[in-house]
All heavy atoms as atom14 arrays in JSON, in Angstrom:
{
  "sequence": "GTRLKLHTYHLVREDQQALFGFRTSEELGFFNL",
  "atom14_mask": [
    [1, 1, 1, 1, 0, 0, 0, 0, 0, 0, 0, 0, 0, 0],
    [1, 1, 1, 1, 1, 1, 1, 0, 0, 0, 0, 0, 0, 0],
    [1, 1, 1, 1, 1, 1, 1, 1, 1, 1, 1, 0, 0, 0],
    [1, 1, 1, 1, 1, 1, 1, 1, 0, 0, 0, 0, 0, 0],
    [1, 1, 1, 1, 1, 1, 1, 1, 1, 0, 0, 0, 0, 0],
    [1, 1, 1, 1, 1, 1, 1, 1, 0, 0, 0, 0, 0, 0],
    [1, 1, 1, 1, 1, 1, 1, 1, 1, 1, 0, 0, 0, 0],
    [1, 1, 1, 1, 1, 1, 1, 0, 0, 0, 0, 0, 0, 0],
    [1, 1, 1, 1, 1, 1, 1, 1, 1, 1, 1, 1, 0, 0],
    [1, 1, 1, 1, 1, 1, 1, 1, 1, 1, 0, 0, 0, 0],
    [1, 1, 1, 1, 1, 1, 1, 1, 0, 0, 0, 0, 0, 0],
    [1, 1, 1, 1, 1, 1, 1, 0, 0, 0, 0, 0, 0, 0],
    [1, 1, 1, 1, 1, 1, 1, 1, 1, 1, 1, 0, 0, 0],
    [1, 1, 1, 1, 1, 1, 1, 1, 1, 0, 0, 0, 0, 0],
    [1, 1, 1, 1, 1, 1, 1, 1, 0, 0, 0, 0, 0, 0],
    [1, 1, 1, 1, 1, 1, 1, 1, 1, 0, 0, 0, 0, 0],
    [1, 1, 1, 1, 1, 1, 1, 1, 1, 0, 0, 0, 0, 0],
    [1, 1, 1, 1, 1, 0, 0, 0, 0, 0, 0, 0, 0, 0],
    [1, 1, 1, 1, 1, 1, 1, 1, 0, 0, 0, 0, 0, 0],
    [1, 1, 1, 1, 1, 1, 1, 1, 1, 1, 1, 0, 0, 0],
    [1, 1, 1, 1, 0, 0, 0, 0, 0, 0, 0, 0, 0, 0],
    [1, 1, 1, 1, 1, 1, 1, 1, 1, 1, 1, 0, 0, 0],
    [1, 1, 1, 1, 1, 1, 1, 1, 1, 1, 1, 0, 0, 0],
    [1, 1, 1, 1, 1, 1, 1, 0, 0, 0, 0, 0, 0, 0],
    [1, 1, 1, 1, 1, 1, 0, 0, 0, 0, 0, 0, 0, 0],
    [1, 1, 1, 1, 1, 1, 1, 1, 1, 0, 0, 0, 0, 0],
    [1, 1, 1, 1, 1, 1, 1, 1, 1, 0, 0, 0, 0, 0],
    [1, 1, 1, 1, 1, 1, 1, 1, 0, 0, 0, 0, 0, 0],
    [1, 1, 1, 1, 0, 0, 0, 0, 0, 0, 0, 0, 0, 0],
    [1, 1, 1, 1, 1, 1, 1, 1, 1, 1, 1, 0, 0, 0],
    [1, 1, 1, 1, 1, 1, 1, 1, 1, 1, 1, 0, 0, 0],
    [1, 1, 1, 1, 1, 1, 1, 1, 0, 0, 0, 0, 0, 0],
    [1, 1, 1, 1, 1, 1, 1, 1, 0, 0, 0, 0, 0, 0]
  ],
  "atom14_positions": [
    [[-16.9, -7.94, -5.95], [-17.69, -8.85, -5.13], [-16.87, -9.93, -4.44], [-17.39, -10.66, -3.6], [0.0, 0.0, 0.0], [0.0, 0.0, 0.0], [0.0, 0.0, 0.0], [0.0, 0.0, 0.0], [0.0, 0.0, 0.0], [0.0, 0.0, 0.0], [0.0, 0.0, 0.0], [0.0, 0.0, 0.0], [0.0, 0.0, 0.0], [0.0, 0.0, 0.0]],
    [[-15.6, -10.07, -4.79], [-14.76, -11.08, -4.14], [-13.89, -10.42, -3.07], [-13.66, -9.21, -3.09], [-13.83, -11.79, -5.14], [-12.96, -10.82, -5.74], [-14.64, -12.49, -6.22], [0.0, 0.0, 0.0], [0.0, 0.0, 0.0], [0.0, 0.0, 0.0], [0.0, 0.0, 0.0], [0.0, 0.0, 0.0], [0.0, 0.0, 0.0], [0.0, 0.0, 0.0]],
    [[-13.39, -11.22, -2.14], [-12.53, -10.71, -1.06], [-11.1, -10.57, -1.57], [-10.63, -11.37, -2.36], [-12.57, -11.64, 0.15], [-13.91, -11.58, 0.88], [-13.87, -12.24, 2.24], [-13.08, -11.52, 3.24], [-13.48, -10.43, 3.88], [-14.66, -9.9, 3.63], [-12.71, -9.88, 4.79], [0.0, 0.0, 0.0], [0.0, 0.0, 0.0], [0.0, 0.0, 0.0]],
    [[-10.45, -9.56, -1.06], [-9.07, -9.29, -1.44], [-8.34, -8.68, -0.26], [-8.89, -7.83, 0.45], [-9.03, -8.32, -2.64], [-7.66, -7.9, -3.16], [-6.9, -9.1, -3.73], [-7.81, -6.82, -4.22], [0.0, 0.0, 0.0], [0.0, 0.0, 0.0], [0.0, 0.0, 0.0], [0.0, 0.0, 0.0], [0.0, 0.0, 0.0], [0.0, 0.0, 0.0]],
    [[-7.11, -9.11, -0.04], [-6.26, -8.49, 0.99], [-5.04, -7.91, 0.31], [-4.39, -8.56, -0.49], [-5.82, -9.51, 2.04], [-4.92, -8.89, 3.09], [-4.51, -9.86, 4.18], [-3.6, -9.13, 5.18], [-3.21, -10.0, 6.29], [0.0, 0.0, 0.0], [0.0, 0.0, 0.0], [0.0, 0.0, 0.0], [0.0, 0.0, 0.0], [0.0, 0.0, 0.0]],
    [[-4.76, -6.66, 0.64], [-3.57, -5.99, 0.11], [-2.75, -5.42, 1.26], [-3.3, -4.86, 2.21], [-3.96, -4.86, -0.83], [-4.64, -5.24, -2.14], [-5.07, -4.0, -2.91], [-3.73, -6.11, -3.0], [0.0, 0.0, 0.0], [0.0, 0.0, 0.0], [0.0, 0.0, 0.0], [0.0, 0.0, 0.0], [0.0, 0.0, 0.0], [0.0, 0.0, 0.0]],
    [[-1.43, -5.59, 1.16], [-0.52, -4.91, 2.08], [-0.43, -3.48, 1.57], [-0.32, -3.25, 0.36], [0.85, -5.58, 2.04], [0.81, -7.02, 2.41], [0.91, -7.45, 3.71], [0.64, -8.13, 1.68], [0.83, -8.75, 3.76], [0.65, -9.2, 2.52], [0.0, 0.0, 0.0], [0.0, 0.0, 0.0], [0.0, 0.0, 0.0], [0.0, 0.0, 0.0]],
    [[-0.48, -2.52, 2.47], [-0.58, -1.13, 2.01], [0.51, -0.22, 2.55], [1.04, -0.42, 3.64], [-1.95, -0.51, 2.39], [-2.13, -0.63, 3.8], [-3.08, -1.2, 1.66], [0.0, 0.0, 0.0], [0.0, 0.0, 0.0], [0.0, 0.0, 0.0], [0.0, 0.0, 0.0], [0.0, 0.0, 0.0], [0.0, 0.0, 0.0], [0.0, 0.0, 0.0]],
    [[0.81, 0.77, 1.74], [1.65, 1.89, 2.15], [0.7, 3.07, 2.28], [-0.02, 3.4, 1.33], [2.71, 2.18, 1.07], [3.5, 3.44, 1.35], [4.58, 3.43, 2.23], [3.15, 4.64, 0.74], [5.3, 4.58, 2.49], [3.87, 5.8, 0.99], [4.94, 5.76, 1.87], [5.64, 6.91, 2.13], [0.0, 0.0, 0.0], [0.0, 0.0, 0.0]],
    [[0.66, 3.68, 3.45], [-0.24, 4.8, 3.71], [0.55, 6.1, 3.59], [1.34, 6.43, 4.46], [-0.83, 4.64, 5.12], [-1.9, 5.64, 5.43], [-2.46, 5.73, 6.67], [-2.53, 6.58, 4.69], [-3.37, 6.69, 6.69], [-3.42, 7.21, 5.48], [0.0, 0.0, 0.0], [0.0, 0.0, 0.0], [0.0, 0.0, 0.0], [0.0, 0.0, 0.0]],
    [[0.33, 6.81, 2.5], [0.99, 8.09, 2.27], [0.21, 9.18, 2.99], [-1.0, 9.31, 2.8], [1.03, 8.39, 0.76], [1.53, 9.78, 0.36], [3.03, 9.9, 0.63], [1.22, 10.06, -1.09], [0.0, 0.0, 0.0], [0.0, 0.0, 0.0], [0.0, 0.0, 0.0], [0.0, 0.0, 0.0], [0.0, 0.0, 0.0], [0.0, 0.0, 0.0]],
    [[0.89, 9.93, 3.83], [0.26, 11.05, 4.54], [1.12, 12.28, 4.31], [2.28, 12.32, 4.72], [0.14, 10.77, 6.06], [-0.5, 11.97, 6.76], [-0.66, 9.51, 6.31], [0.0, 0.0, 0.0], [0.0, 0.0, 0.0], [0.0, 0.0, 0.0], [0.0, 0.0, 0.0], [0.0, 0.0, 0.0], [0.0, 0.0, 0.0], [0.0, 0.0, 0.0]],
    [[0.53, 13.24, 3.63], [1.2, 14.52, 3.39], [0.27, 15.62, 3.86], [-0.9, 15.4, 4.11], [1.53, 14.7, 1.91], [2.61, 13.78, 1.41], [3.03, 14.16, 0.01], [4.08, 13.27, -0.47], [4.29, 12.99, -1.72], [3.52, 13.5, -2.66], [5.26, 12.18, -2.08], [0.0, 0.0, 0.0], [0.0, 0.0, 0.0], [0.0, 0.0, 0.0]],
    [[0.8, 16.82, 3.92], [0.01, 17.95, 4.37], [-1.24, 18.15, 3.52], [-2.3, 18.49, 4.02], [0.89, 19.21, 4.31], [0.39, 20.36, 5.13], [1.4, 21.49, 5.16], [2.46, 21.31, 5.79], [1.11, 22.53, 4.56], [0.0, 0.0, 0.0], [0.0, 0.0, 0.0], [0.0, 0.0, 0.0], [0.0, 0.0, 0.0], [0.0, 0.0, 0.0]],
    [[-1.1, 17.91, 2.21], [-2.2, 18.17, 1.28], [-2.81, 16.91, 0.68], [-3.67, 16.98, -0.2], [-1.7, 19.07, 0.15], [-0.56, 18.42, -0.64], [0.06, 17.48, -0.1], [-0.31, 18.84, -1.77], [0.0, 0.0, 0.0], [0.0, 0.0, 0.0], [0.0, 0.0, 0.0], [0.0, 0.0, 0.0], [0.0, 0.0, 0.0], [0.0, 0.0, 0.0]],
    [[-2.39, 15.71, 1.15], [-2.84, 14.5, 0.48], [-2.69, 13.28, 1.39], [-1.78, 13.19, 2.19], [-1.99, 14.3, -0.78], [-2.22, 13.01, -1.51], [-1.2, 12.8, -2.63], [-0.17, 13.45, -2.68], [-1.48, 11.87, -3.51], [0.0, 0.0, 0.0], [0.0, 0.0, 0.0], [0.0, 0.0, 0.0], [0.0, 0.0, 0.0], [0.0, 0.0, 0.0]],
    [[-3.63, 12.35, 1.25], [-3.51, 11.02, 1.84], [-3.86, 10.02, 0.75], [-4.76, 10.25, -0.05], [-4.49, 10.82, 3.01], [-4.03, 11.44, 4.29], [-4.76, 10.87, 5.49], [-4.96, 9.67, 5.56], [-5.15, 11.73, 6.39], [0.0, 0.0, 0.0], [0.0, 0.0, 0.0], [0.0, 0.0, 0.0], [0.0, 0.0, 0.0], [0.0, 0.0, 0.0]],
    [[-3.14, 8.91, 0.71], [-3.4, 7.89, -0.3], [-2.91, 6.54, 0.19], [-1.98, 6.46, 0.99], [-2.72, 8.24, -1.63], [0.0, 0.0, 0.0], [0.0, 0.0, 0.0], [0.0, 0.0, 0.0], [0.0, 0.0, 0.0], [0.0, 0.0, 0.0], [0.0, 0.0, 0.0], [0.0, 0.0, 0.0], [0.0, 0.0, 0.0], [0.0, 0.0, 0.0]],
    [[-3.55, 5.48, -0.29], [-3.12, 4.12, 0.0], [-2.6, 3.49, -1.29], [-3.22, 3.63, -2.35], [-4.29, 3.28, 0.52], [-4.76, 3.53, 1.94], [-6.02, 2.7, 2.22], [-3.68, 3.18, 2.94], [0.0, 0.0, 0.0], [0.0, 0.0, 0.0], [0.0, 0.0, 0.0], [0.0, 0.0, 0.0], [0.0, 0.0, 0.0], [0.0, 0.0, 0.0]],
    [[-1.49, 2.78, -1.18], [-0.92, 2.03, -2.3], [-0.9, 0.58, -1.88], [-0.37, 0.24, -0.82], [0.49, 2.54, -2.64], [0.49, 3.96, -3.14], [0.51, 5.03, -2.25], [0.45, 4.23, -4.5], [0.49, 6.33, -2.71], [0.43, 5.53, -4.96], [0.44, 6.59, -4.06], [0.0, 0.0, 0.0], [0.0, 0.0, 0.0], [0.0, 0.0, 0.0]],
    [[-1.48, -0.31, -2.71], [-1.65, -1.7, -2.32], [-0.79, -2.68, -3.09], [-0.53, -2.5, -4.28], [0.0, 0.0, 0.0], [0.0, 0.0, 0.0], [0.0, 0.0, 0.0], [0.0, 0.0, 0.0], [0.0, 0.0, 0.0], [0.0, 0.0, 0.0], [0.0, 0.0, 0.0], [0.0, 0.0, 0.0], [0.0, 0.0, 0.0], [0.0, 0.0, 0.0]],
    [[-0.38, -3.76, -2.37], [0.51, -4.78, -2.93], [0.04, -6.15, -2.49], [-0.44, -6.33, -1.38], [1.95, -4.53, -2.46], [2.4, -3.13, -2.75], [2.22, -2.13, -1.82], [2.94, -2.81, -3.98], [2.59, -0.82, -2.1], [3.31, -1.5, -4.28], [3.14, -0.51, -3.33], [0.0, 0.0, 0.0], [0.0, 0.0, 0.0], [0.0, 0.0, 0.0]],
    [[0.25, -7.14, -3.37], [-0.16, -8.51, -3.06], [0.68, -9.13, -1.96], [0.19, -9.94, -1.18], [-0.08, -9.39, -4.31], [-1.14, -9.07, -5.35], [-0.89, -9.86, -6.6], [0.31, -9.33, -7.25], [0.61, -9.46, -8.51], [-0.16, -10.17, -9.28], [1.7, -8.93, -9.02], [0.0, 0.0, 0.0], [0.0, 0.0, 0.0], [0.0, 0.0, 0.0]],
    [[1.97, -8.81, -1.91], [2.85, -9.46, -0.96], [3.62, -8.44, -0.13], [3.78, -7.28, -0.55], [3.89, -10.35, -1.68], [4.76, -9.51, -2.46], [3.22, -11.38, -2.59], [0.0, 0.0, 0.0], [0.0, 0.0, 0.0], [0.0, 0.0, 0.0], [0.0, 0.0, 0.0], [0.0, 0.0, 0.0], [0.0, 0.0, 0.0], [0.0, 0.0, 0.0]],
    [[4.1, -8.87, 1.01], [4.92, -7.99, 1.85], [6.25, -7.7, 1.16], [6.85, -6.64, 1.39], [5.13, -8.62, 3.23], [5.75, -9.89, 3.1], [0.0, 0.0, 0.0], [0.0, 0.0, 0.0], [0.0, 0.0, 0.0], [0.0, 0.0, 0.0], [0.0, 0.0, 0.0], [0.0, 0.0, 0.0], [0.0, 0.0, 0.0], [0.0, 0.0, 0.0]],
    [[6.73, -8.62, 0.3], [7.97, -8.38, -0.44], [7.81, -7.2, -1.4], [8.7, -6.36, -1.5], [8.4, -9.62, -1.23], [8.86, -10.77, -0.36], [7.7, -11.54, 0.28], [6.59, -11.53, -0.27], [7.93, -12.14, 1.34], [0.0, 0.0, 0.0], [0.0, 0.0, 0.0], [0.0, 0.0, 0.0], [0.0, 0.0, 0.0], [0.0, 0.0, 0.0]],
    [[6.69, -7.15, -2.1], [6.44, -6.02, -3.0], [6.38, -4.72, -2.21], [6.95, -3.71, -2.63], [5.12, -6.23, -3.77], [5.19, -7.3, -4.83], [3.86, -7.5, -5.55], [2.83, -6.93, -5.1], [3.85, -8.22, -6.55], [0.0, 0.0, 0.0], [0.0, 0.0, 0.0], [0.0, 0.0, 0.0], [0.0, 0.0, 0.0], [0.0, 0.0, 0.0]],
    [[5.7, -4.74, -1.07], [5.61, -3.54, -0.23], [6.99, -3.13, 0.28], [7.35, -1.96, 0.26], [4.66, -3.79, 0.94], [4.57, -2.67, 1.98], [4.12, -1.36, 1.35], [3.63, -3.07, 3.11], [0.0, 0.0, 0.0], [0.0, 0.0, 0.0], [0.0, 0.0, 0.0], [0.0, 0.0, 0.0], [0.0, 0.0, 0.0], [0.0, 0.0, 0.0]],
    [[7.79, -4.1, 0.7], [9.14, -3.81, 1.19], [10.01, -3.18, 0.1], [10.75, -2.22, 0.35], [0.0, 0.0, 0.0], [0.0, 0.0, 0.0], [0.0, 0.0, 0.0], [0.0, 0.0, 0.0], [0.0, 0.0, 0.0], [0.0, 0.0, 0.0], [0.0, 0.0, 0.0], [0.0, 0.0, 0.0], [0.0, 0.0, 0.0], [0.0, 0.0, 0.0]],
    [[9.91, -3.71, -1.11], [10.69, -3.16, -2.22], [10.19, -1.76, -2.59], [10.98, -0.87, -2.89], [10.63, -4.11, -3.42], [11.57, -3.72, -4.53], [12.92, -3.56, -4.3], [11.09, -3.52, -5.81], [13.79, -3.19, -5.33], [11.94, -3.16, -6.84], [13.3, -3.0, -6.6], [0.0, 0.0, 0.0], [0.0, 0.0, 0.0], [0.0, 0.0, 0.0]],
    [[8.88, -1.56, -2.54], [8.28, -0.24, -2.77], [8.86, 0.76, -1.77], [9.29, 1.86, -2.15], [6.76, -0.35, -2.62], [6.01, 0.95, -2.73], [5.65, 1.47, -3.96], [5.64, 1.65, -1.59], [4.94, 2.65, -4.07], [4.93, 2.84, -1.68], [4.58, 3.34, -2.92], [0.0, 0.0, 0.0], [0.0, 0.0, 0.0], [0.0, 0.0, 0.0]],
    [[8.89, 0.39, -0.48], [9.45, 1.27, 0.55], [10.92, 1.57, 0.27], [11.38, 2.69, 0.47], [9.3, 0.64, 1.94], [7.9, 0.8, 2.49], [7.31, 1.86, 2.38], [7.37, -0.24, 3.07], [0.0, 0.0, 0.0], [0.0, 0.0, 0.0], [0.0, 0.0, 0.0], [0.0, 0.0, 0.0], [0.0, 0.0, 0.0], [0.0, 0.0, 0.0]],
    [[11.65, 0.58, -0.18], [13.07, 0.77, -0.5], [13.22, 1.74, -1.67], [14.08, 2.63, -1.64], [13.71, -0.58, -0.83], [15.22, -0.62, -0.87], [15.83, -0.28, 0.48], [15.69, -2.0, -1.31], [0.0, 0.0, 0.0], [0.0, 0.0, 0.0], [0.0, 0.0, 0.0], [0.0, 0.0, 0.0], [0.0, 0.0, 0.0], [0.0, 0.0, 0.0]]
  ]
}
């Protein structure tokens, strides 16, 4: 019921799509690395 914003990595594969969420852009950047 509360608002939340997450920075996301959008995984797109031939057989799958998924979103992975992070609180900060730093976490997302490290995830990408």
